[in-house]
Amino acid sequence: MGVAESPQTGLTGGVGAGGRWSWSWSWSWVAFSYAQHMTQFVTRLDASLAAEVDHLVTTGVVASRSEAVRLGLTQLVDQYRRERTASAIVDGYRRRPQTADEVAWADDSTLRMIAEEPW
């Protein structure tokens, strides 16, 4: 029964009970690879915010402080992106407002849709 490990991929392999060669991931390689592909931020928090984050971890809202930071930053970036998109849409309508003819079809469609409801 032979065992081999690939340092490039973190795979370990060997002949299993059925006499077949099989591969499995080394958990240390997975952790190492994950850490190599993530950018690290280092920041300071005041004690009360740190305590609130720790409470989120303790109560199971997030798995770790890192997850809390990732979640917060993800939501902040998403909110900023959405606000920029909304602003661009509003600016477009301000530069070129819709005409009465352009919105009339929507009003007509809405009235027909409401009329078709079996209230």
PDB file of N, CA and C in Angstrom:
ATOM      1  N   MET A   1       0.851  -1.176   0.000  1.00  0.00           N
ATOM      2  CA  MET A   1       0.000   0.000   0.000  1.00  0.00           C
ATOM      3  C   MET A   1       0.886   1.224   0.000  1.00  0.00           C
ATOM      4  N   GLY A   2       0.828   2.000  -1.075  1.00  0.00           N
ATOM      5  CA  GLY A   2       1.656   3.189  -1.178  1.00  0.00           C
ATOM      6  C   GLY A   2       0.860   4.448  -0.913  1.00  0.00           C
ATOM      7  N   VAL A   3       1.530   5.475  -0.391  1.00  0.00           N
ATOM      8  CA  VAL A   3       0.912   6.770  -0.146  1.00  0.00           C
ATOM      9  C   VAL A   3       1.777   7.813  -0.810  1.00  0.00           C
ATOM     10  N   ALA A   4       1.163   8.762  -1.465  1.00  0.00           N
ATOM     11  CA  ALA A   4       1.890   9.842  -2.129  1.00  0.00           C
ATOM     12  C   ALA A   4       1.227  11.162  -1.803  1.00  0.00           C
ATOM     13  N   GLU A   5       2.018  12.230  -1.773  1.00  0.00           N
ATOM     14  CA  GLU A   5       1.481  13.563  -1.565  1.00  0.00           C
ATOM     15  C   GLU A   5       2.068  14.492  -2.603  1.00  0.00           C
ATOM     16  N   SER A   6       1.215  15.329  -3.168  1.00  0.00           N
ATOM     17  CA  SER A   6       1.661  16.305  -4.152  1.00  0.00           C
ATOM     18  C   SER A   6       1.788  17.659  -3.476  1.00  0.00           C
ATOM     19  N   PRO A   7       3.009  18.183  -3.305  1.00  0.00           N
ATOM     20  CA  PRO A   7       3.156  19.484  -2.659  1.00  0.00           C
ATOM     21  C   PRO A   7       2.563  20.616  -3.483  1.00  0.00           C
ATOM     22  N   GLN A   8       2.431  20.448  -4.792  1.00  0.00           N
ATOM     23  CA  GLN A   8       1.859  21.493  -5.635  1.00  0.00           C
ATOM     24  C   GLN A   8       0.345  21.610  -5.449  1.00  0.00           C
ATOM     25  N   THR A   9      -0.342  20.508  -5.215  1.00  0.00           N
ATOM     26  CA  THR A   9      -1.807  20.528  -5.145  1.00  0.00           C
ATOM     27  C   THR A   9      -2.349  20.249  -3.764  1.00  0.00           C
ATOM     28  N   GLY A  10      -1.552  19.733  -2.852  1.00  0.00           N
ATOM     29  CA  GLY A  10      -2.037  19.380  -1.529  1.00  0.00           C
ATOM     30  C   GLY A  10      -2.827  18.098  -1.504  1.00  0.00           C
ATOM     31  N   LEU A  11      -2.798  17.358  -2.581  1.00  0.00           N
ATOM     32  CA  LEU A  11      -3.523  16.091  -2.631  1.00  0.00           C
ATOM     33  C   LEU A  11      -2.688  14.982  -2.019  1.00  0.00           C
ATOM     34  N   THR A  12      -3.361  14.125  -1.276  1.00  0.00           N
ATOM     35  CA  THR A  12      -2.698  12.919  -0.791  1.00  0.00           C
ATOM     36  C   THR A  12      -3.426  11.744  -1.410  1.00  0.00           C
ATOM     37  N   GLY A  13      -2.683  10.713  -1.706  1.00  0.00           N
ATOM     38  CA  GLY A  13      -3.314   9.569  -2.356  1.00  0.00           C
ATOM     39  C   GLY A  13      -2.734   8.271  -1.860  1.00  0.00           C
ATOM     40  N   GLY A  14      -3.471   7.242  -2.075  1.00  0.00           N
ATOM     41  CA  GLY A  14      -3.007   5.930  -1.677  1.00  0.00           C
ATOM     42  C   GLY A  14      -3.961   4.865  -2.177  1.00  0.00           C
ATOM     43  N   VAL A  15      -3.573   3.631  -1.991  1.00  0.00           N
ATOM     44  CA  VAL A  15      -4.412   2.516  -2.413  1.00  0.00           C
ATOM     45  C   VAL A  15      -5.390   2.238  -1.287  1.00  0.00           C
ATOM     46  N   GLY A  16      -6.682   2.328  -1.608  1.00  0.00           N
ATOM     47  CA  GLY A  16      -7.723   2.123  -0.610  1.00  0.00           C
ATOM     48  C   GLY A  16      -8.020   0.658  -0.392  1.00  0.00           C
ATOM     49  N   ALA A  17      -9.047   0.423   0.411  1.00  0.00           N
ATOM     50  CA  ALA A  17      -9.422  -0.949   0.775  1.00  0.00           C
ATOM     51  C   ALA A  17      -9.816  -1.772  -0.437  1.00  0.00           C
ATOM     52  N   GLY A  18     -10.380  -1.149  -1.447  1.00  0.00           N
ATOM     53  CA  GLY A  18     -10.792  -1.872  -2.638  1.00  0.00           C
ATOM     54  C   GLY A  18      -9.660  -2.100  -3.618  1.00  0.00           C
ATOM     55  N   GLY A  19      -8.433  -1.734  -3.249  1.00  0.00           N
ATOM     56  CA  GLY A  19      -7.296  -1.912  -4.134  1.00  0.00           C
ATOM     57  C   GLY A  19      -7.197  -0.825  -5.198  1.00  0.00           C
ATOM     58  N   ARG A  20      -8.003   0.217  -5.083  1.00  0.00           N
ATOM     59  CA  ARG A  20      -7.973   1.305  -6.057  1.00  0.00           C
ATOM     60  C   ARG A  20      -7.230   2.496  -5.468  1.00  0.00           C
ATOM     61  N   TRP A  21      -6.541   3.187  -6.351  1.00  0.00           N
ATOM     62  CA  TRP A  21      -5.820   4.400  -5.957  1.00  0.00           C
ATOM     63  C   TRP A  21      -6.838   5.526  -5.827  1.00  0.00           C
ATOM     64  N   SER A  22      -6.783   6.294  -4.741  1.00  0.00           N
ATOM     65  CA  SER A  22      -7.704   7.412  -4.577  1.00  0.00           C
ATOM     66  C   SER A  22      -6.957   8.612  -4.020  1.00  0.00           C
ATOM     67  N   TRP A  23      -7.501   9.803  -4.274  1.00  0.00           N
ATOM     68  CA  TRP A  23      -6.896  11.063  -3.831  1.00  0.00           C
ATOM     69  C   TRP A  23      -7.842  11.768  -2.875  1.00  0.00           C
ATOM     70  N   SER A  24      -7.305  12.514  -1.945  1.00  0.00           N
ATOM     71  CA  SER A  24      -8.124  13.353  -1.069  1.00  0.00           C
ATOM     72  C   SER A  24      -7.336  14.631  -0.753  1.00  0.00           C
ATOM     73  N   TRP A  25      -8.047  15.674  -0.429  1.00  0.00           N
ATOM     74  CA  TRP A  25      -7.409  16.960  -0.115  1.00  0.00           C
ATOM     75  C   TRP A  25      -6.827  16.939   1.286  1.00  0.00           C
ATOM     76  N   SER A  26      -5.682  17.520   1.428  1.00  0.00           N
ATOM     77  CA  SER A  26      -5.083  17.733   2.733  1.00  0.00           C
ATOM     78  C   SER A  26      -5.676  19.028   3.283  1.00  0.00           C
ATOM     79  N   TRP A  27      -6.289  18.967   4.476  1.00  0.00           N
ATOM     80  CA  TRP A  27      -6.915  20.161   5.035  1.00  0.00           C
ATOM     81  C   TRP A  27      -5.916  21.279   5.244  1.00  0.00           C
ATOM     82  N   SER A  28      -4.688  20.959   5.578  1.00  0.00           N
ATOM     83  CA  SER A  28      -3.690  22.022   5.758  1.00  0.00           C
ATOM     84  C   SER A  28      -3.433  22.728   4.441  1.00  0.00           C
ATOM     85  N   TRP A  29      -3.485  21.975   3.334  1.00  0.00           N
ATOM     86  CA  TRP A  29      -3.292  22.614   2.021  1.00  0.00           C
ATOM     87  C   TRP A  29      -4.472  23.516   1.686  1.00  0.00           C
ATOM     88  N   VAL A  30      -5.675  23.076   1.996  1.00  0.00           N
ATOM     89  CA  VAL A  30      -6.859  23.885   1.718  1.00  0.00           C
ATOM     90  C   VAL A  30      -6.763  25.202   2.481  1.00  0.00           C
ATOM     91  N   ALA A  31      -6.421  25.139   3.755  1.00  0.00           N
ATOM     92  CA  ALA A  31      -6.290  26.361   4.562  1.00  0.00           C
ATOM     93  C   ALA A  31      -5.186  27.253   4.017  1.00  0.00           C
ATOM     94  N   PHE A  32      -4.063  26.671   3.666  1.00  0.00           N
ATOM     95  CA  PHE A  32      -2.942  27.450   3.121  1.00  0.00           C
ATOM     96  C   PHE A  32      -3.350  28.110   1.809  1.00  0.00           C
ATOM     97  N   SER A  33      -3.992  27.345   0.929  1.00  0.00           N
ATOM     98  CA  SER A  33      -4.402  27.874  -0.365  1.00  0.00           C
ATOM     99  C   SER A  33      -5.423  28.988  -0.198  1.00  0.00           C
ATOM    100  N   TYR A  34      -6.372  28.811   0.723  1.00  0.00           N
ATOM    101  CA  TYR A  34      -7.388  29.827   0.992  1.00  0.00           C
ATOM    102  C   TYR A  34      -6.707  31.116   1.454  1.00  0.00           C
ATOM    103  N   ALA A  35      -5.776  31.003   2.381  1.00  0.00           N
ATOM    104  CA  ALA A  35      -5.086  32.176   2.908  1.00  0.00           C
ATOM    105  C   ALA A  35      -4.261  32.871   1.832  1.00  0.00           C
ATOM    106  N   GLN A  36      -3.699  32.116   0.913  1.00  0.00           N
ATOM    107  CA  GLN A  36      -2.885  32.703  -0.148  1.00  0.00           C
ATOM    108  C   GLN A  36      -3.725  33.492  -1.147  1.00  0.00           C
ATOM    109  N   HIS A  37      -5.012  33.184  -1.263  1.00  0.00           N
ATOM    110  CA  HIS A  37      -5.861  33.832  -2.253  1.00  0.00           C
ATOM    111  C   HIS A  37      -6.735  34.929  -1.662  1.00  0.00           C
ATOM    112  N   MET A  38      -6.561  35.233  -0.401  1.00  0.00           N
ATOM    113  CA  MET A  38      -7.345  36.274   0.252  1.00  0.00           C
ATOM    114  C   MET A  38      -6.413  37.411   0.655  1.00  0.00           C
ATOM    115  N   THR A  39      -6.851  38.635   0.397  1.00  0.00           N
ATOM    116  CA  THR A  39      -6.105  39.803   0.834  1.00  0.00           C
ATOM    117  C   THR A  39      -6.430  40.048   2.298  1.00  0.00           C
ATOM    118  N   GLN A  40      -5.416  40.395   3.070  1.00  0.00           N
ATOM    119  CA  GLN A  40      -5.629  40.599   4.496  1.00  0.00           C
ATOM    120  C   GLN A  40      -5.700  42.085   4.806  1.00  0.00           C
ATOM    121  N   PHE A  41      -6.712  42.479   5.581  1.00  0.00           N
ATOM    122  CA  PHE A  41      -6.842  43.844   6.081  1.00  0.00           C
ATOM    123  C   PHE A  41      -6.562  43.798   7.576  1.00  0.00           C
ATOM    124  N   VAL A  42      -5.861  44.776   8.063  1.00  0.00           N
ATOM    125  CA  VAL A  42      -5.627  44.905   9.499  1.00  0.00           C
ATOM    126  C   VAL A  42      -6.222  46.246   9.907  1.00  0.00           C
ATOM    127  N   THR A  43      -7.060  46.232  10.937  1.00  0.00           N
ATOM    128  CA  THR A  43      -7.714  47.471  11.362  1.00  0.00           C
ATOM    129  C   THR A  43      -7.839  47.510  12.872  1.00  0.00           C
ATOM    130  N   ARG A  44      -8.112  48.660  13.366  1.00  0.00           N
ATOM    131  CA  ARG A  44      -8.319  48.832  14.804  1.00  0.00           C
ATOM    132  C   ARG A  44      -9.766  49.234  15.041  1.00  0.00           C
ATOM    133  N   LEU A  45     -10.366  48.694  16.122  1.00  0.00           N
ATOM    134  CA  LEU A  45     -11.736  49.016  16.502  1.00  0.00           C
ATOM    135  C   LEU A  45     -11.758  49.493  17.937  1.00  0.00           C
ATOM    136  N   ASP A  46     -12.725  50.352  18.255  1.00  0.00           N
ATOM    137  CA  ASP A  46     -12.852  50.728  19.664  1.00  0.00           C
ATOM    138  C   ASP A  46     -13.450  49.541  20.423  1.00  0.00           C
ATOM    139  N   ALA A  47     -13.282  49.568  21.722  1.00  0.00           N
ATOM    140  CA  ALA A  47     -13.649  48.418  22.548  1.00  0.00           C
ATOM    141  C   ALA A  47     -15.131  48.066  22.436  1.00  0.00           C
ATOM    142  N   SER A  48     -16.004  49.058  22.343  1.00  0.00           N
ATOM    143  CA  SER A  48     -17.437  48.753  22.308  1.00  0.00           C
ATOM    144  C   SER A  48     -17.829  48.071  20.996  1.00  0.00           C
ATOM    145  N   LEU A  49     -17.263  48.508  19.875  1.00  0.00           N
ATOM    146  CA  LEU A  49     -17.565  47.852  18.602  1.00  0.00           C
ATOM    147  C   LEU A  49     -16.993  46.433  18.586  1.00  0.00           C
ATOM    148  N   ALA A  50     -15.789  46.275  19.107  1.00  0.00           N
ATOM    149  CA  ALA A  50     -15.194  44.929  19.181  1.00  0.00           C
ATOM    150  C   ALA A  50     -16.061  44.006  20.033  1.00  0.00           C
ATOM    151  N   ALA A  51     -16.596  44.532  21.130  1.00  0.00           N
ATOM    152  CA  ALA A  51     -17.462  43.723  21.997  1.00  0.00           C
ATOM    153  C   ALA A  51     -18.745  43.331  21.261  1.00  0.00           C
ATOM    154  N   GLU A  52     -19.304  44.257  20.482  1.00  0.00           N
ATOM    155  CA  GLU A  52     -20.509  43.948  19.703  1.00  0.00           C
ATOM    156  C   GLU A  52     -20.223  42.866  18.667  1.00  0.00           C
ATOM    157  N   VAL A  53     -19.074  42.951  17.990  1.00  0.00           N
ATOM    158  CA  VAL A  53     -18.694  41.942  17.004  1.00  0.00           C
ATOM    159  C   VAL A  53     -18.502  40.595  17.697  1.00  0.00           C
ATOM    160  N   ASP A  54     -17.823  40.600  18.840  1.00  0.00           N
ATOM    161  CA  ASP A  54     -17.635  39.351  19.590  1.00  0.00           C
ATOM    162  C   ASP A  54     -18.980  38.749  20.000  1.00  0.00           C
ATOM    163  N   HIS A  55     -19.949  39.595  20.340  1.00  0.00           N
ATOM    164  CA  HIS A  55     -21.283  39.101  20.690  1.00  0.00           C
ATOM    165  C   HIS A  55     -21.939  38.434  19.475  1.00  0.00           C
ATOM    166  N   LEU A  56     -21.746  39.003  18.298  1.00  0.00           N
ATOM    167  CA  LEU A  56     -22.281  38.388  17.074  1.00  0.00           C
ATOM    168  C   LEU A  56     -21.676  37.007  16.859  1.00  0.00           C
ATOM    169  N   VAL A  57     -20.393  36.884  17.160  1.00  0.00           N
ATOM    170  CA  VAL A  57     -19.723  35.587  17.018  1.00  0.00           C
ATOM    171  C   VAL A  57     -20.253  34.611  18.070  1.00  0.00           C
ATOM    172  N   THR A  58     -20.321  35.051  19.302  1.00  0.00           N
ATOM    173  CA  THR A  58     -20.760  34.183  20.399  1.00  0.00           C
ATOM    174  C   THR A  58     -22.179  33.672  20.191  1.00  0.00           C
ATOM    175  N   THR A  59     -23.055  34.535  19.658  1.00  0.00           N
ATOM    176  CA  THR A  59     -24.454  34.131  19.466  1.00  0.00           C
ATOM    177  C   THR A  59     -24.678  33.407  18.151  1.00  0.00           C
ATOM    178  N   GLY A  60     -23.624  33.248  17.353  1.00  0.00           N
ATOM    179  CA  GLY A  60     -23.735  32.475  16.128  1.00  0.00           C
ATOM    180  C   GLY A  60     -24.245  33.246  14.920  1.00  0.00           C
ATOM    181  N   VAL A  61     -24.344  34.566  15.021  1.00  0.00           N
ATOM    182  CA  VAL A  61     -24.770  35.362  13.875  1.00  0.00           C
ATOM    183  C   VAL A  61     -23.735  35.261  12.764  1.00  0.00           C
ATOM    184  N   VAL A  62     -22.469  35.280  13.142  1.00  0.00           N
ATOM    185  CA  VAL A  62     -21.356  35.071  12.216  1.00  0.00           C
ATOM    186  C   VAL A  62     -20.413  34.060  12.839  1.00  0.00           C
ATOM    187  N   ALA A  63     -19.615  33.424  12.007  1.00  0.00           N
ATOM    188  CA  ALA A  63     -18.724  32.366  12.499  1.00  0.00           C
ATOM    189  C   ALA A  63     -17.471  32.922  13.164  1.00  0.00           C
ATOM    190  N   SER A  64     -17.058  34.114  12.747  1.00  0.00           N
ATOM    191  CA  SER A  64     -15.804  34.659  13.263  1.00  0.00           C
ATOM    192  C   SER A  64     -15.782  36.171  13.090  1.00  0.00           C
ATOM    193  N   ARG A  65     -14.812  36.806  13.716  1.00  0.00           N
ATOM    194  CA  ARG A  65     -14.610  38.239  13.520  1.00  0.00           C
ATOM    195  C   ARG A  65     -14.346  38.532  12.045  1.00  0.00           C
ATOM    196  N   SER A  66     -13.551  37.691  11.423  1.00  0.00           N
ATOM    197  CA  SER A  66     -13.227  37.896  10.009  1.00  0.00           C
ATOM    198  C   SER A  66     -14.479  37.851   9.150  1.00  0.00           C
ATOM    199  N   GLU A  67     -15.365  36.896   9.437  1.00  0.00           N
ATOM    200  CA  GLU A  67     -16.603  36.821   8.669  1.00  0.00           C
ATOM    201  C   GLU A  67     -17.448  38.075   8.872  1.00  0.00           C
ATOM    202  N   ALA A  68     -17.479  38.595  10.100  1.00  0.00           N
ATOM    203  CA  ALA A  68     -18.238  39.816  10.384  1.00  0.00           C
ATOM    204  C   ALA A  68     -17.689  40.984   9.567  1.00  0.00           C
ATOM    205  N   VAL A  69     -16.366  41.104   9.520  1.00  0.00           N
ATOM    206  CA  VAL A  69     -15.750  42.185   8.751  1.00  0.00           C
ATOM    207  C   VAL A  69     -16.035  42.003   7.265  1.00  0.00           C
ATOM    208  N   ARG A  70     -15.879  40.775   6.753  1.00  0.00           N
ATOM    209  CA  ARG A  70     -16.170  40.518   5.332  1.00  0.00           C
ATOM    210  C   ARG A  70     -17.615  40.856   4.999  1.00  0.00           C
ATOM    211  N   LEU A  71     -18.535  40.428   5.864  1.00  0.00           N
ATOM    212  CA  LEU A  71     -19.950  40.683   5.633  1.00  0.00           C
ATOM    213  C   LEU A  71     -20.238  42.182   5.631  1.00  0.00           C
ATOM    214  N   GLY A  72     -19.686  42.895   6.601  1.00  0.00           N
ATOM    215  CA  GLY A  72     -19.894  44.339   6.669  1.00  0.00           C
ATOM    216  C   GLY A  72     -19.336  45.059   5.459  1.00  0.00           C
ATOM    217  N   LEU A  73     -18.130  44.696   5.042  1.00  0.00           N
ATOM    218  CA  LEU A  73     -17.523  45.338   3.871  1.00  0.00           C
ATOM    219  C   LEU A  73     -18.280  44.985   2.592  1.00  0.00           C
ATOM    220  N   THR A  74     -18.725  43.743   2.485  1.00  0.00           N
ATOM    221  CA  THR A  74     -19.495  43.330   1.313  1.00  0.00           C
ATOM    222  C   THR A  74     -20.777  44.152   1.212  1.00  0.00           C
ATOM    223  N   GLN A  75     -21.468  44.325   2.336  1.00  0.00           N
ATOM    224  CA  GLN A  75     -22.705  45.099   2.330  1.00  0.00           C
ATOM    225  C   GLN A  75     -22.429  46.574   2.029  1.00  0.00           C
ATOM    226  N   LEU A  76     -21.361  47.124   2.566  1.00  0.00           N
ATOM    227  CA  LEU A  76     -21.006  48.519   2.296  1.00  0.00           C
ATOM    228  C   LEU A  76     -20.712  48.741   0.822  1.00  0.00           C
ATOM    229  N   VAL A  77     -19.908  47.871   0.236  1.00  0.00           N
ATOM    230  CA  VAL A  77     -19.568  47.986  -1.187  1.00  0.00           C
ATOM    231  C   VAL A  77     -20.815  47.813  -2.048  1.00  0.00           C
ATOM    232  N   ASP A  78     -21.681  46.848  -1.699  1.00  0.00           N
ATOM    233  CA  ASP A  78     -22.907  46.626  -2.457  1.00  0.00           C
ATOM    234  C   ASP A  78     -23.828  47.845  -2.367  1.00  0.00           C
ATOM    235  N   GLN A  79     -23.969  48.412  -1.179  1.00  0.00           N
ATOM    236  CA  GLN A  79     -24.810  49.601  -1.005  1.00  0.00           C
ATOM    237  C   GLN A  79     -24.272  50.766  -1.834  1.00  0.00           C
ATOM    238  N   TYR A  80     -22.971  50.975  -1.805  1.00  0.00           N
ATOM    239  CA  TYR A  80     -22.354  52.048  -2.580  1.00  0.00           C
ATOM    240  C   TYR A  80     -22.589  51.840  -4.082  1.00  0.00           C
ATOM    241  N   ARG A  81     -22.431  50.607  -4.542  1.00  0.00           N
ATOM    242  CA  ARG A  81     -22.648  50.294  -5.965  1.00  0.00           C
ATOM    243  C   ARG A  81     -24.093  50.553  -6.356  1.00  0.00           C
ATOM    244  N   ARG A  82     -25.033  50.137  -5.516  1.00  0.00           N
ATOM    245  CA  ARG A  82     -26.448  50.347  -5.796  1.00  0.00           C
ATOM    246  C   ARG A  82     -26.792  51.838  -5.821  1.00  0.00           C
ATOM    247  N   GLU A  83     -26.215  52.603  -4.893  1.00  0.00           N
ATOM    248  CA  GLU A  83     -26.479  54.045  -4.865  1.00  0.00           C
ATOM    249  C   GLU A  83     -25.935  54.731  -6.115  1.00  0.00           C
ATOM    250  N   ARG A  84     -24.762  54.305  -6.580  1.00  0.00           N
ATOM    251  CA  ARG A  84     -24.208  54.870  -7.824  1.00  0.00           C
ATOM    252  C   ARG A  84     -25.095  54.543  -9.012  1.00  0.00           C
ATOM    253  N   THR A  85     -25.578  53.294  -9.071  1.00  0.00           N
ATOM    254  CA  THR A  85     -26.459  52.889 -10.168  1.00  0.00           C
ATOM    255  C   THR A  85     -27.756  53.691 -10.138  1.00  0.00           C
ATOM    256  N   ALA A  86     -28.365  53.818  -8.960  1.00  0.00           N
ATOM    257  CA  ALA A  86     -29.605  54.584  -8.830  1.00  0.00           C
ATOM    258  C   ALA A  86     -29.390  56.035  -9.225  1.00  0.00           C
ATOM    259  N   SER A  87     -28.280  56.600  -8.804  1.00  0.00           N
ATOM    260  CA  SER A  87     -27.970  57.989  -9.147  1.00  0.00           C
ATOM    261  C   SER A  87     -27.810  58.167 -10.654  1.00  0.00           C
ATOM    262  N   ALA A  88     -27.159  57.209 -11.298  1.00  0.00           N
ATOM    263  CA  ALA A  88     -26.979  57.282 -12.755  1.00  0.00           C
ATOM    264  C   ALA A  88     -28.324  57.193 -13.469  1.00  0.00           C
ATOM    265  N   ILE A  89     -29.227  56.366 -12.980  1.00  0.00           N
ATOM    266  CA  ILE A  89     -30.562  56.241 -13.588  1.00  0.00           C
ATOM    267  C   ILE A  89     -31.331  57.551 -13.421  1.00  0.00           C
ATOM    268  N   VAL A  90     -31.317  58.088 -12.208  1.00  0.00           N
ATOM    269  CA  VAL A  90     -32.018  59.357 -11.952  1.00  0.00           C
ATOM    270  C   VAL A  90     -31.437  60.465 -12.821  1.00  0.00           C
ATOM    271  N   ASP A  91     -30.113  60.542 -12.899  1.00  0.00           N
ATOM    272  CA  ASP A  91     -29.470  61.568 -13.742  1.00  0.00           C
ATOM    273  C   ASP A  91     -29.887  61.421 -15.201  1.00  0.00           C
ATOM    274  N   GLY A  92     -30.006  60.194 -15.672  1.00  0.00           N
ATOM    275  CA  GLY A  92     -30.429  59.957 -17.050  1.00  0.00           C
ATOM    276  C   GLY A  92     -31.830  60.471 -17.306  1.00  0.00           C
ATOM    277  N   TYR A  93     -32.740  60.204 -16.354  1.00  0.00           N
ATOM    278  CA  TYR A  93     -34.109  60.699 -16.522  1.00  0.00           C
ATOM    279  C   TYR A  93     -34.180  62.222 -16.388  1.00  0.00           C
ATOM    280  N   ARG A  94     -33.295  62.800 -15.590  1.00  0.00           N
ATOM    281  CA  ARG A  94     -33.274  64.267 -15.493  1.00  0.00           C
ATOM    282  C   ARG A  94     -32.777  64.889 -16.799  1.00  0.00           C
ATOM    283  N   ARG A  95     -31.780  64.248 -17.413  1.00  0.00           N
ATOM    284  CA  ARG A  95     -31.259  64.768 -18.683  1.00  0.00           C
ATOM    285  C   ARG A  95     -32.260  64.581 -19.814  1.00  0.00           C
ATOM    286  N   ARG A  96     -32.995  63.468 -19.769  1.00  0.00           N
ATOM    287  CA  ARG A  96     -33.974  63.188 -20.821  1.00  0.00           C
ATOM    288  C   ARG A  96     -35.227  62.600 -20.184  1.00  0.00           C
ATOM    289  N   PRO A  97     -36.112  63.485 -19.707  1.00  0.00           N
ATOM    290  CA  PRO A  97     -37.344  63.005 -19.069  1.00  0.00           C
ATOM    291  C   PRO A  97     -38.221  62.236 -20.053  1.00  0.00           C
ATOM    292  N   GLN A  98     -38.997  61.321 -19.518  1.00  0.00           N
ATOM    293  CA  GLN A  98     -39.921  60.583 -20.363  1.00  0.00           C
ATOM    294  C   GLN A  98     -41.056  61.503 -20.811  1.00  0.00           C
ATOM    295  N   THR A  99     -41.520  61.275 -22.006  1.00  0.00           N
ATOM    296  CA  THR A  99     -42.665  62.036 -22.520  1.00  0.00           C
ATOM    297  C   THR A  99     -43.947  61.333 -22.112  1.00  0.00           C
ATOM    298  N   ALA A 100     -45.049  62.039 -22.243  1.00  0.00           N
ATOM    299  CA  ALA A 100     -46.352  61.453 -21.919  1.00  0.00           C
ATOM    300  C   ALA A 100     -46.639  60.241 -22.793  1.00  0.00           C
ATOM    301  N   ASP A 101     -46.214  60.294 -24.051  1.00  0.00           N
ATOM    302  CA  ASP A 101     -46.428  59.155 -24.949  1.00  0.00           C
ATOM    303  C   ASP A 101     -45.629  57.928 -24.504  1.00  0.00           C
ATOM    304  N   GLU A 102     -44.433  58.170 -23.987  1.00  0.00           N
ATOM    305  CA  GLU A 102     -43.575  57.056 -23.571  1.00  0.00           C
ATOM    306  C   GLU A 102     -44.129  56.321 -22.348  1.00  0.00           C
ATOM    307  N   VAL A 103     -44.824  57.026 -21.482  1.00  0.00           N
ATOM    308  CA  VAL A 103     -45.359  56.357 -20.291  1.00  0.00           C
ATOM    309  C   VAL A 103     -46.817  55.959 -20.450  1.00  0.00           C
ATOM    310  N   ALA A 104     -47.467  56.420 -21.503  1.00  0.00           N
ATOM    311  CA  ALA A 104     -48.895  56.104 -21.694  1.00  0.00           C
ATOM    312  C   ALA A 104     -49.118  54.609 -21.833  1.00  0.00           C
ATOM    313  N   TRP A 105     -48.246  53.909 -22.556  1.00  0.00           N
ATOM    314  CA  TRP A 105     -48.437  52.465 -22.738  1.00  0.00           C
ATOM    315  C   TRP A 105     -48.407  51.735 -21.406  1.00  0.00           C
ATOM    316  N   ALA A 106     -47.545  52.205 -20.475  1.00  0.00           N
ATOM    317  CA  ALA A 106     -47.469  51.549 -19.166  1.00  0.00           C
ATOM    318  C   ALA A 106     -48.761  51.783 -18.388  1.00  0.00           C
ATOM    319  N   ASP A 107     -49.282  52.991 -18.443  1.00  0.00           N
ATOM    320  CA  ASP A 107     -50.537  53.272 -17.753  1.00  0.00           C
ATOM    321  C   ASP A 107     -51.677  52.434 -18.335  1.00  0.00           C
ATOM    322  N   ASP A 108     -51.739  52.355 -19.660  1.00  0.00           N
ATOM    323  CA  ASP A 108     -52.779  51.549 -20.306  1.00  0.00           C
ATOM    324  C   ASP A 108     -52.652  50.081 -19.922  1.00  0.00           C
ATOM    325  N   SER A 109     -51.436  49.571 -19.925  1.00  0.00           N
ATOM    326  CA  SER A 109     -51.203  48.166 -19.567  1.00  0.00           C
ATOM    327  C   SER A 109     -51.596  47.901 -18.124  1.00  0.00           C
ATOM    328  N   THR A 110     -51.274  48.818 -17.250  1.00  0.00           N
ATOM    329  CA  THR A 110     -51.602  48.655 -15.833  1.00  0.00           C
ATOM    330  C   THR A 110     -53.116  48.626 -15.648  1.00  0.00           C
ATOM    331  N   LEU A 111     -53.826  49.536 -16.310  1.00  0.00           N
ATOM    332  CA  LEU A 111     -55.284  49.558 -16.197  1.00  0.00           C
ATOM    333  C   LEU A 111     -55.909  48.260 -16.717  1.00  0.00           C
ATOM    334  N   ARG A 112     -55.399  47.745 -17.849  1.00  0.00           N
ATOM    335  CA  ARG A 112     -55.914  46.480 -18.389  1.00  0.00           C
ATOM    336  C   ARG A 112     -55.627  45.315 -17.433  1.00  0.00           C
ATOM    337  N   MET A 113     -54.440  45.303 -16.855  1.00  0.00           N
ATOM    338  CA  MET A 113     -54.070  44.221 -15.931  1.00  0.00           C
ATOM    339  C   MET A 113     -54.974  44.242 -14.700  1.00  0.00           C
ATOM    340  N   ILE A 114     -55.245  45.420 -14.171  1.00  0.00           N
ATOM    341  CA  ILE A 114     -56.110  45.534 -13.006  1.00  0.00           C
ATOM    342  C   ILE A 114     -57.537  45.105 -13.351  1.00  0.00           C
ATOM    343  N   ALA A 115     -57.985  45.490 -14.538  1.00  0.00           N
ATOM    344  CA  ALA A 115     -59.338  45.128 -14.971  1.00  0.00           C
ATOM    345  C   ALA A 115     -59.489  43.619 -15.115  1.00  0.00           C
ATOM    346  N   GLU A 116     -58.421  42.931 -15.452  1.00  0.00           N
ATOM    347  CA  GLU A 116     -58.473  41.468 -15.641  1.00  0.00           C
ATOM    348  C   GLU A 116     -58.480  40.705 -14.317  1.00  0.00           C
ATOM    349  N   GLU A 117     -58.148  41.370 -13.215  1.00  0.00           N
ATOM    350  CA  GLU A 117     -58.120  40.685 -11.913  1.00  0.00           C
ATOM    351  C   GLU A 117     -59.541  40.301 -11.499  1.00  0.00           C
ATOM    352  N   PRO A 118     -59.698  39.097 -10.928  1.00  0.00           N
ATOM    353  CA  PRO A 118     -61.052  38.623 -10.552  1.00  0.00           C
ATOM    354  C   PRO A 118     -61.464  39.065  -9.149  1.00  0.00           C
ATOM    355  N   TRP A 119     -61.171  40.236  -8.750  1.00  0.00           N
ATOM    356  CA  TRP A 119     -61.477  40.675  -7.397  1.00  0.00           C
ATOM    357  C   TRP A 119     -62.909  40.464  -7.149  1.00  0.00           C
TER     358      TRP A 119
END
